[in-house]
C-alpha cells in the first residue's frame, strides 16, 4: 500500500463544491409556505373543534404546532445534504 505524503495533499487541487443559491432560496420558500399553511390548518381545526380555549392555551398551542412542524419540515427539506 502506497502512502501519500503531506506535501502531496497540499499540492493536490481538490475541487470546491459549488452551492446553487437558487436551490436554497426555493427550498426555504417551500419550507416557509408549507409551515405557514400547515400551522394555519392545524390551528384552525383545533380552534373550531374546541371553542372554549383561553388565550394562554391558544398561544401555547401555536408555539407547539409551529415547533413540531418546523422540525418535520427541516427533516424533509434540509438546507444542505452534507
C-alpha atoms as a PDB file:
ATOM      1  CA  UNK A   1       0.000   0.000   0.000  1.00  0.00           C
ATOM      2  CA  UNK A   2       1.384   3.337  -1.034  1.00  0.00           C
ATOM      3  CA  UNK A   3       1.249   6.180   1.465  1.00  0.00           C
ATOM      4  CA  UNK A   4       0.989   9.736   0.239  1.00  0.00           C
ATOM      5  CA  UNK A   5       2.965  12.464   1.923  1.00  0.00           C
ATOM      6  CA  UNK A   6       1.556  15.642   3.389  1.00  0.00           C
ATOM      7  CA  UNK A   7       3.196  17.679   0.634  1.00  0.00           C
ATOM      8  CA  UNK A   8       1.297  15.705  -1.985  1.00  0.00           C
ATOM      9  CA  UNK A   9      -2.041  16.526  -0.345  1.00  0.00           C
ATOM     10  CA  UNK A  10      -1.093  20.185  -0.013  1.00  0.00           C
ATOM     11  CA  UNK A  11      -0.317  20.427  -3.729  1.00  0.00           C
ATOM     12  CA  UNK A  12      -3.330  18.468  -4.892  1.00  0.00           C
ATOM     13  CA  UNK A  13      -6.142  20.574  -6.298  1.00  0.00           C
ATOM     14  CA  UNK A  14      -9.362  19.496  -4.632  1.00  0.00           C
ATOM     15  CA  UNK A  15     -12.455  20.912  -6.321  1.00  0.00           C
ATOM     16  CA  UNK A  16     -14.610  23.025  -4.021  1.00  0.00           C
ATOM     17  CA  UNK A  17     -18.283  22.091  -4.350  1.00  0.00           C
ATOM     18  CA  UNK A  18     -20.467  24.920  -5.533  1.00  0.00           C
ATOM     19  CA  UNK A  19     -23.764  25.573  -3.843  1.00  0.00           C
ATOM     20  CA  UNK A  20     -26.655  26.661  -6.003  1.00  0.00           C
ATOM     21  CA  UNK A  21     -28.242  29.718  -4.405  1.00  0.00           C
ATOM     22  CA  UNK A  22     -31.486  29.168  -6.312  1.00  0.00           C
ATOM     23  CA  UNK A  23     -31.880  25.744  -4.720  1.00  0.00           C
ATOM     24  CA  UNK A  24     -31.501  27.204  -1.235  1.00  0.00           C
ATOM     25  CA  UNK A  25     -33.998  30.002  -1.937  1.00  0.00           C
ATOM     26  CA  UNK A  26     -36.562  27.572  -3.394  1.00  0.00           C
ATOM     27  CA  UNK A  27     -36.005  25.161  -0.515  1.00  0.00           C
ATOM     28  CA  UNK A  28     -36.541  27.872   2.101  1.00  0.00           C
ATOM     29  CA  UNK A  29     -39.568  29.189   0.212  1.00  0.00           C
ATOM     30  CA  UNK A  30     -41.173  25.751   0.186  1.00  0.00           C
ATOM     31  CA  UNK A  31     -40.483  25.349   3.912  1.00  0.00           C
ATOM     32  CA  UNK A  32     -41.907  28.799   4.718  1.00  0.00           C
ATOM     33  CA  UNK A  33     -45.053  28.266   2.643  1.00  0.00           C
ATOM     34  CA  UNK A  34     -45.708  24.757   3.988  1.00  0.00           C
ATOM     35  CA  UNK A  35     -45.052  25.887   7.549  1.00  0.00           C
ATOM     36  CA  UNK A  36     -47.492  28.790   7.251  1.00  0.00           C
ATOM     37  CA  UNK A  37     -50.141  26.651   5.562  1.00  0.00           C
ATOM     38  CA  UNK A  38     -49.888  23.720   7.972  1.00  0.00           C
ATOM     39  CA  UNK A  39     -49.896  25.908  11.085  1.00  0.00           C
ATOM     40  CA  UNK A  40     -52.955  27.735   9.780  1.00  0.00           C
ATOM     41  CA  UNK A  41     -54.773  24.484   9.034  1.00  0.00           C
ATOM     42  CA  UNK A  42     -53.943  22.758  12.323  1.00  0.00           C
ATOM     43  CA  UNK A  43     -54.714  25.790  14.493  1.00  0.00           C
ATOM     44  CA  UNK A  44     -57.964  26.476  12.616  1.00  0.00           C
ATOM     45  CA  UNK A  45     -59.118  22.880  13.019  1.00  0.00           C
ATOM     46  CA  UNK A  46     -58.314  22.896  16.731  1.00  0.00           C
ATOM     47  CA  UNK A  47     -59.992  26.276  17.329  1.00  0.00           C
ATOM     48  CA  UNK A  48     -63.201  25.220  15.591  1.00  0.00           C
ATOM     49  CA  UNK A  49     -63.311  21.923  17.486  1.00  0.00           C
ATOM     50  CA  UNK A  50     -62.502  23.485  20.885  1.00  0.00           C
ATOM     51  CA  UNK A  51     -64.038  26.994  21.047  1.00  0.00           C
ATOM     52  CA  UNK A  52     -63.561  27.232  24.846  1.00  0.00           C
ATOM     53  CA  UNK A  53     -59.771  27.695  24.608  1.00  0.00           C
ATOM     54  CA  UNK A  54     -58.395  30.663  26.507  1.00  0.00           C
ATOM     55  CA  UNK A  55     -55.639  32.943  25.167  1.00  0.00           C
ATOM     56  CA  UNK A  56     -52.811  31.240  27.099  1.00  0.00           C
ATOM     57  CA  UNK A  57     -53.696  27.825  25.738  1.00  0.00           C
ATOM     58  CA  UNK A  58     -54.057  29.289  22.260  1.00  0.00           C
ATOM     59  CA  UNK A  59     -50.565  30.850  22.336  1.00  0.00           C
ATOM     60  CA  UNK A  60     -49.063  27.643  23.707  1.00  0.00           C
ATOM     61  CA  UNK A  61     -50.846  25.676  21.004  1.00  0.00           C
ATOM     62  CA  UNK A  62     -49.406  27.824  18.226  1.00  0.00           C
ATOM     63  CA  UNK A  63     -45.892  27.512  19.675  1.00  0.00           C
ATOM     64  CA  UNK A  64     -46.101  23.730  19.950  1.00  0.00           C
ATOM     65  CA  UNK A  65     -47.605  23.226  16.500  1.00  0.00           C
ATOM     66  CA  UNK A  66     -45.068  25.524  14.837  1.00  0.00           C
ATOM     67  CA  UNK A  67     -42.123  23.865  16.600  1.00  0.00           C
ATOM     68  CA  UNK A  68     -43.209  20.366  15.633  1.00  0.00           C
ATOM     69  CA  UNK A  69     -43.979  21.346  12.044  1.00  0.00           C
ATOM     70  CA  UNK A  70     -40.673  23.173  11.615  1.00  0.00           C
ATOM     71  CA  UNK A  71     -38.818  20.126  12.924  1.00  0.00           C
ATOM     72  CA  UNK A  72     -40.617  17.829  10.496  1.00  0.00           C
ATOM     73  CA  UNK A  73     -40.104  20.216   7.576  1.00  0.00           C
ATOM     74  CA  UNK A  74     -36.392  20.560   8.376  1.00  0.00           C
ATOM     75  CA  UNK A  75     -36.061  16.792   8.216  1.00  0.00           C
ATOM     76  CA  UNK A  76     -37.787  16.665   4.833  1.00  0.00           C
ATOM     77  CA  UNK A  77     -36.240  19.796   3.304  1.00  0.00           C
ATOM     78  CA  UNK A  78     -32.701  20.167   4.719  1.00  0.00           C
ATOM     79  CA  UNK A  79     -30.716  23.268   3.795  1.00  0.00           C
ATOM     80  CA  UNK A  80     -27.789  21.130   2.640  1.00  0.00           C
ATOM     81  CA  UNK A  81     -27.025  17.456   2.202  1.00  0.00           C
ATOM     82  CA  UNK A  82     -23.563  17.375   3.766  1.00  0.00           C
END
